[in-house]
PDB file of N, CA and C in Angstrom:
ATOM      1  N   ILE A   1    -120.874-126.944  31.716  1.00  0.00           N
ATOM      2  CA  ILE A   1    -120.571-125.723  31.447  1.00  0.00           C
ATOM      3  C   ILE A   1    -121.146-125.391  32.765  1.00  0.00           C
ATOM      4  N   ALA A   2    -122.040-124.564  33.072  1.00  0.00           N
ATOM      5  CA  ALA A   2    -121.619-123.868  34.707  1.00  0.00           C
ATOM      6  C   ALA A   2    -121.307-123.970  35.127  1.00  0.00           C
ATOM      7  N   GLU A   3    -120.276-125.753  35.539  1.00  0.00           N
ATOM      8  CA  GLU A   3    -120.000-125.257  36.635  1.00  0.00           C
ATOM      9  C   GLU A   3    -118.234-125.363  36.600  1.00  0.00           C
ATOM     10  N   ASN A   4    -117.976-124.904  35.396  1.00  0.00           N
ATOM     11  CA  ASN A   4    -116.448-124.939  34.697  1.00  0.00           C
ATOM     12  C   ASN A   4    -115.653-125.733  34.852  1.00  0.00           C
ATOM     13  N   TYR A   5    -116.057-127.489  34.585  1.00  0.00           N
ATOM     14  CA  TYR A   5    -115.298-128.565  34.758  1.00  0.00           C
ATOM     15  C   TYR A   5    -114.094-128.158  33.672  1.00  0.00           C
ATOM     16  N   GLY A   6    -113.315-129.249  33.871  1.00  0.00           N
ATOM     17  CA  GLY A   6    -111.964-128.664  33.186  1.00  0.00           C
ATOM     18  C   GLY A   6    -111.769-130.956  32.353  1.00  0.00           C
ATOM     19  N   PHE A   7    -111.536-130.670  31.037  1.00  0.00           N
ATOM     20  CA  PHE A   7    -111.696-131.922  30.568  1.00  0.00           C
ATOM     21  C   PHE A   7    -110.313-133.318  31.174  1.00  0.00           C
ATOM     22  N   ASP A   8    -109.559-132.917  31.706  1.00  0.00           N
ATOM     23  CA  ASP A   8    -108.555-133.377  32.228  1.00  0.00           C
ATOM     24  C   ASP A   8    -109.710-133.963  34.443  1.00  0.00           C
ATOM     25  N   SER A   9    -110.591-133.779  34.204  1.00  0.00           N
ATOM     26  CA  SER A   9    -110.623-133.650  35.783  1.00  0.00           C
ATOM     27  C   SER A   9    -112.530-134.846  35.314  1.00  0.00           C
ATOM     28  N   HIS A  10    -113.398-133.962  33.821  1.00  0.00           N
ATOM     29  CA  HIS A  10    -114.518-134.557  33.997  1.00  0.00           C
ATOM     30  C   HIS A  10    -114.474-134.841  32.567  1.00  0.00           C
ATOM     31  N   PRO A  11    -113.655-135.804  31.135  1.00  0.00           N
ATOM     32  CA  PRO A  11    -113.720-135.701  30.230  1.00  0.00           C
ATOM     33  C   PRO A  11    -115.267-136.845  29.691  1.00  0.00           C
ATOM     34  N   GLU A  12    -115.762-137.611  30.540  1.00  0.00           N
ATOM     35  CA  GLU A  12    -117.025-137.342  30.340  1.00  0.00           C
ATOM     36  C   GLU A  12    -118.436-136.696  29.528  1.00  0.00           C
ATOM     37  N   LEU A  13    -117.678-135.306  30.319  1.00  0.00           N
ATOM     38  CA  LEU A  13    -118.593-133.961  30.026  1.00  0.00           C
ATOM     39  C   LEU A  13    -118.277-133.650  28.341  1.00  0.00           C
ATOM     40  N   PHE A  14    -117.305-133.453  27.730  1.00  0.00           N
ATOM     41  CA  PHE A  14    -116.991-133.298  26.548  1.00  0.00           C
ATOM     42  C   PHE A  14    -117.880-134.053  26.059  1.00  0.00           C
ATOM     43  N   THR A  15    -118.724-133.115  24.358  1.00  0.00           N
ATOM     44  CA  THR A  15    -118.858-133.795  24.169  1.00  0.00           C
ATOM     45  C   THR A  15    -117.999-132.847  22.424  1.00  0.00           C
ATOM     46  N   PHE A  16    -117.659-132.301  21.928  1.00  0.00           N
ATOM     47  CA  PHE A  16    -116.673-131.562  21.142  1.00  0.00           C
ATOM     48  C   PHE A  16    -117.385-131.284  19.920  1.00  0.00           C
ATOM     49  N   GLY A  17    -117.526-130.673  20.612  1.00  0.00           N
ATOM     50  CA  GLY A  17    -118.586-129.739  19.111  1.00  0.00           C
ATOM     51  C   GLY A  17    -119.865-129.774  18.996  1.00  0.00           C
ATOM     52  N   LEU A  18    -120.625-130.810  19.226  1.00  0.00           N
ATOM     53  CA  LEU A  18    -122.094-131.061  19.526  1.00  0.00           C
ATOM     54  C   LEU A  18    -122.852-130.005  20.048  1.00  0.00           C
ATOM     55  N   LEU A  19    -122.887-129.187  21.235  1.00  0.00           N
ATOM     56  CA  LEU A  19    -123.250-127.930  21.995  1.00  0.00           C
ATOM     57  C   LEU A  19    -123.022-127.217  20.829  1.00  0.00           C
ATOM     58  N   GLU A  20    -122.371-127.098  19.746  1.00  0.00           N
ATOM     59  CA  GLU A  20    -122.214-125.901  18.787  1.00  0.00           C
ATOM     60  C   GLU A  20    -123.502-125.765  18.079  1.00  0.00           C
ATOM     61  N   ARG A  21    -123.853-127.229  17.672  1.00  0.00           N
ATOM     62  CA  ARG A  21    -124.853-126.671  16.784  1.00  0.00           C
ATOM     63  C   ARG A  21    -126.417-127.314  17.658  1.00  0.00           C
ATOM     64  N   PHE A  22    -126.511-128.187  18.513  1.00  0.00           N
ATOM     65  CA  PHE A  22    -127.415-129.035  18.693  1.00  0.00           C
ATOM     66  C   PHE A  22    -127.763-128.307  20.506  1.00  0.00           C
ATOM     67  N   ASP A  23    -129.041-128.066  21.237  1.00  0.00           N
ATOM     68  CA  ASP A  23    -128.892-127.798  22.258  1.00  0.00           C
ATOM     69  C   ASP A  23    -129.302-129.780  22.842  1.00  0.00           C
ATOM     70  N   VAL A  24    -129.407-129.536  24.416  1.00  0.00           N
ATOM     71  CA  VAL A  24    -129.260-130.872  25.236  1.00  0.00           C
ATOM     72  C   VAL A  24    -130.350-131.364  25.584  1.00  0.00           C
ATOM     73  N   GLN A  25    -131.297-130.836  25.131  1.00  0.00           N
ATOM     74  CA  GLN A  25    -133.012-131.565  24.585  1.00  0.00           C
ATOM     75  C   GLN A  25    -132.628-132.620  23.284  1.00  0.00           C
ATOM     76  N   SER A  26    -132.368-131.314  22.263  1.00  0.00           N
ATOM     77  CA  SER A  26    -132.446-132.352  21.168  1.00  0.00           C
ATOM     78  C   SER A  26    -131.528-132.818  21.462  1.00  0.00           C
ATOM     79  N   ILE A  27    -130.180-133.925  21.400  1.00  0.00           N
ATOM     80  CA  ILE A  27    -129.451-134.673  22.259  1.00  0.00           C
ATOM     81  C   ILE A  27    -129.864-135.648  22.727  1.00  0.00           C
ATOM     82  N   ALA A  28    -130.160-135.409  23.565  1.00  0.00           N
ATOM     83  CA  ALA A  28    -131.369-136.177  24.397  1.00  0.00           C
ATOM     84  C   ALA A  28    -132.314-137.162  23.544  1.00  0.00           C
ATOM     85  N   ALA A  29    -132.970-136.206  23.308  1.00  0.00           N
ATOM     86  CA  ALA A  29    -134.399-136.320  22.328  1.00  0.00           C
ATOM     87  C   ALA A  29    -133.543-137.995  21.205  1.00  0.00           C
ATOM     88  N   LEU A  30    -132.783-137.074  20.627  1.00  0.00           N
ATOM     89  CA  LEU A  30    -131.911-138.613  19.908  1.00  0.00           C
ATOM     90  C   LEU A  30    -131.966-139.519  20.226  1.00  0.00           C
ATOM     91  N   CYS A  31    -131.733-139.977  21.777  1.00  0.00           N
ATOM     92  CA  CYS A  31    -131.935-141.289  22.965  1.00  0.00           C
ATOM     93  C   CYS A  31    -133.178-141.687  22.764  1.00  0.00           C
ATOM     94  N   ALA A  32    -133.550-141.671  22.271  1.00  0.00           N
ATOM     95  CA  ALA A  32    -135.641-141.954  22.937  1.00  0.00           C
ATOM     96  C   ALA A  32    -135.402-143.452  21.686  1.00  0.00           C
ATOM     97  N   PRO A  33    -136.279-144.175  22.489  1.00  0.00           N
ATOM     98  CA  PRO A  33    -136.877-144.604  23.310  1.00  0.00           C
ATOM     99  C   PRO A  33    -136.017-145.082  24.895  1.00  0.00           C
ATOM    100  N   ARG A  34    -134.916-145.410  24.203  1.00  0.00           N
ATOM    101  CA  ARG A  34    -133.760-145.146  26.017  1.00  0.00           C
ATOM    102  C   ARG A  34    -133.672-144.134  26.581  1.00  0.00           C
ATOM    103  N   GLU A  35    -133.591-144.766  27.707  1.00  0.00           N
ATOM    104  CA  GLU A  35    -133.600-144.073  29.175  1.00  0.00           C
ATOM    105  C   GLU A  35    -132.129-142.882  28.661  1.00  0.00           C
ATOM    106  N   VAL A  36    -132.538-141.523  29.215  1.00  0.00           N
ATOM    107  CA  VAL A  36    -131.649-140.913  29.462  1.00  0.00           C
ATOM    108  C   VAL A  36    -132.110-140.070  31.141  1.00  0.00           C
ATOM    109  N   ARG A  37    -130.232-139.966  31.949  1.00  0.00           N
ATOM    110  CA  ARG A  37    -131.377-139.600  33.083  1.00  0.00           C
ATOM    111  C   ARG A  37    -129.886-138.069  33.620  1.00  0.00           C
ATOM    112  N   PHE A  38    -130.889-137.070  33.979  1.00  0.00           N
ATOM    113  CA  PHE A  38    -130.216-136.319  34.580  1.00  0.00           C
ATOM    114  C   PHE A  38    -129.808-135.652  35.531  1.00  0.00           C
ATOM    115  N   GLU A  39    -128.779-136.602  36.355  1.00  0.00           N
ATOM    116  CA  GLU A  39    -128.039-136.306  37.760  1.00  0.00           C
ATOM    117  C   GLU A  39    -128.233-135.338  38.453  1.00  0.00           C
ATOM    118  N   SER A  40    -128.974-134.404  39.337  1.00  0.00           N
ATOM    119  CA  SER A  40    -129.046-133.246  40.082  1.00  0.00           C
ATOM    120  C   SER A  40    -129.673-132.484  39.601  1.00  0.00           C
ATOM    121  N   ALA A  41    -130.494-132.500  38.329  1.00  0.00           N
ATOM    122  CA  ALA A  41    -131.715-131.413  37.733  1.00  0.00           C
ATOM    123  C   ALA A  41    -131.972-130.321  38.578  1.00  0.00           C
ATOM    124  N   THR A  42    -131.608-129.194  38.300  1.00  0.00           N
ATOM    125  CA  THR A  42    -132.558-128.114  39.083  1.00  0.00           C
ATOM    126  C   THR A  42    -133.224-127.800  38.503  1.00  0.00           C
ATOM    127  N   GLU A  43    -134.412-126.889  38.433  1.00  0.00           N
ATOM    128  CA  GLU A  43    -135.270-126.631  38.430  1.00  0.00           C
ATOM    129  C   GLU A  43    -135.637-126.178  37.332  1.00  0.00           C
ATOM    130  N   ARG A  44    -134.161-124.772  36.162  1.00  0.00           N
ATOM    131  CA  ARG A  44    -133.738-124.739  34.774  1.00  0.00           C
ATOM    132  C   ARG A  44    -133.792-125.896  34.280  1.00  0.00           C
ATOM    133  N   HIS A  45    -132.946-126.670  34.479  1.00  0.00           N
ATOM    134  CA  HIS A  45    -132.716-128.160  33.678  1.00  0.00           C
ATOM    135  C   HIS A  45    -134.061-128.687  33.669  1.00  0.00           C
ATOM    136  N   ARG A  46    -135.341-128.400  34.570  1.00  0.00           N
ATOM    137  CA  ARG A  46    -136.646-129.604  34.582  1.00  0.00           C
ATOM    138  C   ARG A  46    -137.187-128.538  33.448  1.00  0.00           C
ATOM    139  N   ALA A  47    -137.050-127.195  32.976  1.00  0.00           N
ATOM    140  CA  ALA A  47    -137.481-126.150  32.381  1.00  0.00           C
ATOM    141  C   ALA A  47    -137.567-126.388  31.015  1.00  0.00           C
ATOM    142  N   GLU A  48    -136.254-126.155  30.562  1.00  0.00           N
ATOM    143  CA  GLU A  48    -135.649-126.787  29.247  1.00  0.00           C
ATOM    144  C   GLU A  48    -135.680-128.027  28.914  1.00  0.00           C
ATOM    145  N   LEU A  49    -135.044-128.708  29.714  1.00  0.00           N
ATOM    146  CA  LEU A  49    -136.313-129.850  29.037  1.00  0.00           C
ATOM    147  C   LEU A  49    -137.863-131.176  29.057  1.00  0.00           C
ATOM    148  N   ALA A  50    -137.847-129.929  29.520  1.00  0.00           N
ATOM    149  CA  ALA A  50    -139.871-130.050  29.658  1.00  0.00           C
ATOM    150  C   ALA A  50    -140.132-131.006  28.512  1.00  0.00           C
ATOM    151  N   GLY A  51    -140.115-131.430  27.206  1.00  0.00           N
ATOM    152  CA  GLY A  51    -140.512-130.966  25.870  1.00  0.00           C
ATOM    153  C   GLY A  51    -140.008-132.313  25.436  1.00  0.00           C
ATOM    154  N   LEU A  52    -139.333-133.076  26.633  1.00  0.00           N
ATOM    155  CA  LEU A  52    -138.354-134.493  26.424  1.00  0.00           C
ATOM    156  C   LEU A  52    -140.021-135.328  26.910  1.00  0.00           C
ATOM    157  N   SER A  53    -140.798-135.639  27.483  1.00  0.00           N
ATOM    158  CA  SER A  53    -141.941-136.326  28.260  1.00  0.00           C
ATOM    159  C   SER A  53    -142.559-136.753  26.934  1.00  0.00           C
ATOM    160  N   PRO A  54    -143.077-135.994  26.284  1.00  0.00           N
ATOM    161  CA  PRO A  54    -143.929-136.067  25.797  1.00  0.00           C
ATOM    162  C   PRO A  54    -143.035-136.498  24.248  1.00  0.00           C
ATOM    163  N   TRP A  55    -141.880-135.845  23.960  1.00  0.00           N
ATOM    164  CA  TRP A  55    -141.142-137.128  22.787  1.00  0.00           C
ATOM    165  C   TRP A  55    -141.226-138.746  23.778  1.00  0.00           C
ATOM    166  N   TYR A  56    -140.865-138.831  24.027  1.00  0.00           N
ATOM    167  CA  TYR A  56    -141.400-140.229  24.632  1.00  0.00           C
ATOM    168  C   TYR A  56    -141.357-140.638  24.454  1.00  0.00           C
ATOM    169  N   LYS A  57    -143.052-140.376  25.026  1.00  0.00           N
ATOM    170  CA  LYS A  57    -144.080-140.665  24.388  1.00  0.00           C
ATOM    171  C   LYS A  57    -144.596-141.318  22.988  1.00  0.00           C
ATOM    172  N   LEU A  58    -144.295-139.976  22.130  1.00  0.00           N
ATOM    173  CA  LEU A  58    -144.643-140.580  20.845  1.00  0.00           C
ATOM    174  C   LEU A  58    -143.642-141.752  20.568  1.00  0.00           C
ATOM    175  N   CYS A  59    -142.468-141.794  21.053  1.00  0.00           N
ATOM    176  CA  CYS A  59    -141.696-143.019  20.780  1.00  0.00           C
ATOM    177  C   CYS A  59    -142.218-144.229  21.593  1.00  0.00           C
ATOM    178  N   GLY A  60    -143.257-144.267  22.429  1.00  0.00           N
ATOM    179  CA  GLY A  60    -143.695-145.284  22.928  1.00  0.00           C
ATOM    180  C   GLY A  60    -143.316-146.128  24.464  1.00  0.00           C
ATOM    181  N   LYS A  61    -142.678-144.609  24.984  1.00  0.00           N
ATOM    182  CA  LYS A  61    -142.326-145.325  26.136  1.00  0.00           C
ATOM    183  C   LYS A  61    -142.675-143.659  27.480  1.00  0.00           C
ATOM    184  N   GLU A  62    -143.757-143.998  28.481  1.00  0.00           N
ATOM    185  CA  GLU A  62    -143.450-142.923  29.785  1.00  0.00           C
ATOM    186  C   GLU A  62    -142.430-143.147  29.906  1.00  0.00           C
ATOM    187  N   PHE A  63    -141.489-141.755  30.706  1.00  0.00           N
ATOM    188  CA  PHE A  63    -140.565-141.492  30.911  1.00  0.00           C
ATOM    189  C   PHE A  63    -140.225-140.343  31.436  1.00  0.00           C
ATOM    190  N   ASP A  64    -139.965-140.160  32.643  1.00  0.00           N
ATOM    191  CA  ASP A  64    -139.571-138.817  32.257  1.00  0.00           C
ATOM    192  C   ASP A  64    -138.386-138.408  33.047  1.00  0.00           C
ATOM    193  N   PRO A  65    -137.266-137.777  31.965  1.00  0.00           N
ATOM    194  CA  PRO A  65    -136.099-137.909  32.716  1.00  0.00           C
ATOM    195  C   PRO A  65    -135.408-136.950  33.310  1.00  0.00           C
ATOM    196  N   THR A  66    -136.100-136.044  33.652  1.00  0.00           N
ATOM    197  CA  THR A  66    -135.723-134.947  34.913  1.00  0.00           C
ATOM    198  C   THR A  66    -136.333-135.656  36.210  1.00  0.00           C
ATOM    199  N   LYS A  67    -136.960-136.651  36.863  1.00  0.00           N
ATOM    200  CA  LYS A  67    -137.630-136.806  38.275  1.00  0.00           C
ATOM    201  C   LYS A  67    -136.207-137.935  38.171  1.00  0.00           C
TER     202      LYS A  67
END
């Protein structure tokens, strides 16, 4: 969203309606305890995703997806 990519150049980024109802942290939490990686995470991303590490721990895995 921040980079304004189009579907034709980055189709893997389009979730067709998921982001209208859920934030990225909630979607990533659904994947726990499987690892989800955020490449090139900025400080803004790290702050917004800070709650994932405790969630992964609750699911039985020590993991920080922002590292």
